[in-house]
Protein backbone atom coordinates (compact mmCIF):
# COMPACT_ATOMS: atom_id res chain seq x y z
CA UNK A 1 -0.06 0.06 0.10
CA UNK A 2 1.36 3.50 -0.95
CA UNK A 3 1.85 6.44 1.21
CA UNK A 4 -0.78 8.26 -0.72
CA UNK A 5 -3.24 5.53 0.00
CA UNK A 6 -2.54 5.44 3.85
CA UNK A 7 -2.93 9.10 4.12
CA UNK A 8 -6.83 8.76 3.32
CA UNK A 9 -7.06 6.65 6.73
CA UNK A 10 -8.04 8.14 10.04
CA UNK A 11 -4.88 8.10 12.20
CA UNK A 12 -5.02 5.04 14.77
CA UNK A 13 -1.81 3.44 16.14
CA UNK A 14 -1.45 1.05 13.25
CA UNK A 15 -1.80 3.66 10.53
CA UNK A 16 0.72 5.86 12.16
CA UNK A 17 3.25 3.19 12.19
CA UNK A 18 2.40 2.30 8.63
CA UNK A 19 2.75 6.06 7.68
CA UNK A 20 6.15 6.19 9.29
CA UNK A 21 7.29 2.94 7.65
CA UNK A 22 6.68 4.38 4.19
CA UNK A 23 9.09 7.26 4.90
CA UNK A 24 12.85 6.11 4.59
CA UNK A 25 14.34 8.74 6.86
CA UNK A 26 11.70 8.06 9.54
CA UNK A 27 12.69 4.30 9.35
CA UNK A 28 16.58 5.42 9.55
CA UNK A 29 15.89 7.53 12.51
CA UNK A 30 13.60 5.07 14.33
CA UNK A 31 10.63 7.70 14.83
CA UNK A 32 7.75 6.16 16.49
CA UNK A 33 4.26 7.78 17.02
CA UNK A 34 1.56 6.85 19.36
CA UNK A 35 -2.13 8.51 20.30
CA UNK A 36 -2.61 10.00 23.60
CA UNK A 37 -5.76 11.45 24.42
CA UNK A 38 -6.88 12.30 20.72
CA UNK A 39 -3.07 13.83 19.97
CA UNK A 40 -0.15 12.30 18.51
CA UNK A 41 2.92 11.92 20.56
CA UNK A 42 6.13 11.41 18.66
CA UNK A 43 9.28 9.48 19.93
CA UNK A 44 12.89 9.53 18.61
CA UNK A 45 14.40 6.51 20.50
CA UNK A 46 18.13 6.69 21.49
CA UNK A 47 20.73 5.25 19.08
CA UNK A 48 24.49 5.84 18.87
CA UNK A 49 24.13 6.69 15.22
CA UNK A 50 22.42 9.88 16.06
CA UNK A 51 25.20 11.29 18.18
CA UNK A 52 26.55 14.59 17.10
CA UNK A 53 28.53 15.45 20.18
CA UNK A 54 30.29 12.22 21.68
CA UNK A 55 31.54 13.99 24.75
CA UNK A 56 28.25 14.59 26.12
CA UNK A 57 26.88 12.38 24.47
CA UNK A 58 24.07 14.45 22.61
CA UNK A 59 22.02 13.90 19.66
CA UNK A 60 23.00 15.83 16.65
CA UNK A 61 21.15 19.17 16.11
CA UNK A 62 20.18 18.21 12.45
CA UNK A 63 18.59 14.98 13.70
CA UNK A 64 16.59 16.96 16.23
CA UNK A 65 15.44 19.34 13.56
CA UNK A 66 14.71 16.76 11.12
CA UNK A 67 12.45 14.60 13.81
CA UNK A 68 10.85 17.70 14.68
CA UNK A 69 9.99 18.61 10.95
CA UNK A 70 8.70 15.08 10.33
CA UNK A 71 6.61 15.13 13.32
CA UNK A 72 5.06 18.30 12.23
CA UNK A 73 4.36 17.09 8.81
CA UNK A 74 2.65 13.86 9.99
CA UNK A 75 0.72 15.63 12.59
CA UNK A 76 -0.49 17.90 9.87
CA UNK A 77 -1.69 15.20 7.76
CA UNK A 78 -3.52 13.45 10.50
CA UNK A 79 -5.52 16.62 11.17
CA UNK A 80 -6.41 17.36 7.45
CA UNK A 81 -9.96 16.96 6.07
CA UNK A 82 -8.55 16.03 2.88
CA UNK A 83 -5.13 14.85 3.49
CA UNK A 84 -2.27 15.65 1.06
CA UNK A 85 1.55 15.31 1.43
CA UNK A 86 2.64 18.85 2.85
CA UNK A 87 5.69 20.64 1.58
CA UNK A 88 7.75 22.57 3.96
CA UNK A 89 7.91 26.33 3.07
CA UNK A 90 10.06 27.20 5.99
CA UNK A 91 11.13 25.76 9.51
CA UNK A 92 12.36 27.88 12.22
CA UNK A 93 13.99 25.89 15.03
CA UNK A 94 14.87 27.16 18.34
CA UNK A 95 17.40 25.00 20.41
CA UNK A 96 16.91 25.62 24.10
CA UNK A 97 19.28 22.81 25.46
CA UNK A 98 21.30 19.74 24.45
CA UNK A 99 19.28 16.79 23.58
CA UNK A 100 21.03 13.85 25.46
CA UNK A 101 21.17 10.33 24.06
CA UNK A 102 17.72 9.22 25.44
CA UNK A 103 14.20 9.20 24.41
CA UNK A 104 13.00 12.47 22.75
CA UNK A 105 9.55 13.30 22.50
CA UNK A 106 7.54 15.67 20.36
CA UNK A 107 4.00 17.12 20.23
CA UNK A 108 2.72 19.39 17.59
CA UNK A 109 -0.12 21.85 17.41
CA UNK A 110 -1.74 23.09 14.08
CA UNK A 111 -1.99 26.81 14.71
CA UNK A 112 -3.89 27.73 11.57
CA UNK A 113 -4.65 25.80 8.45
CA UNK A 114 -5.90 27.70 5.33
CA UNK A 115 -6.57 26.30 1.70
CA UNK A 116 -3.05 26.44 0.92
CA UNK A 117 -0.72 26.87 3.71
CA UNK A 118 -0.62 25.56 7.40
CA UNK A 119 1.12 26.87 10.40
CA UNK A 120 2.40 24.18 12.91
CA UNK A 121 4.29 24.38 16.06
CA UNK A 122 6.49 21.54 17.42
CA UNK A 123 7.75 21.20 20.91
CA UNK A 124 10.57 18.49 21.77
CA UNK A 125 11.63 17.32 25.22
CA UNK A 126 13.14 14.48 27.09
CA UNK A 127 12.44 14.47 30.81
CA UNK A 128 9.49 16.90 31.07
CA UNK A 129 7.24 18.22 28.75
CA UNK A 130 7.41 21.60 30.61
CA UNK A 131 11.16 21.70 29.92
CA UNK A 132 11.52 21.50 26.30
CA UNK A 133 14.83 20.85 24.56
CA UNK A 134 13.68 22.56 21.16
CA UNK A 135 10.52 24.66 19.80
CA UNK A 136 9.96 24.94 16.14
CA UNK A 137 7.45 26.79 13.81
CA UNK A 138 6.68 25.44 10.39
CA UNK A 139 4.76 26.54 7.33
CA UNK A 140 3.71 23.80 5.00
CA UNK A 141 2.25 24.28 1.58
CA UNK A 142 -0.85 21.81 1.61
CA UNK A 143 -2.35 22.58 -1.85
CA UNK A 144 -0.73 23.35 -5.23
CA UNK A 145 -1.52 26.74 -6.28
CA UNK A 146 -3.77 26.97 -9.06
CA UNK A 147 -1.98 28.00 -12.33
CA UNK A 148 -4.00 29.52 -14.98
CA UNK A 149 -3.44 27.94 -18.56
CA UNK A 150 -4.32 31.17 -20.24
CA UNK A 151 -1.32 33.45 -20.68
CA UNK A 152 -1.90 37.09 -21.23
CA UNK A 153 0.33 38.49 -23.94
CA UNK A 154 1.02 42.17 -24.06
CA UNK A 155 2.70 43.27 -27.32
CA UNK A 156 5.74 45.50 -27.08
CA UNK A 157 5.40 48.72 -29.18
CA UNK A 158 8.27 49.43 -31.23
């Protein structure tokens, strides 16, 4: 079953797992998702391949960012009336503290969803949701803009 076919399903634990299995980078990172009180909680399990600073050890900042961007996109898909694959327009990430090599969690919130663009916030933490490691704001393109096929031609005067 393709990711496009899976997107049309309501997100339950099995569907979320199948969505993530269709995304190669999510599989590589080991990202998991589960439902808690009608919201999705994402988990990035510890793995030595994710280390960016071996002296702490800490998860590489790029891995944290990718995990949060992926969580935001999947959360958005799960909350759309007519799901489509979102495309990142911009992603602003604030690193608040080092993410140690332990379970990292993320929770997302759709702030606004228009016809073409959606705004999502993502918070990542390890020990306590009230003490985040990073926060992010993302804008996603959720519909291709309509392009008119008619071209207006204005002749140049010579």
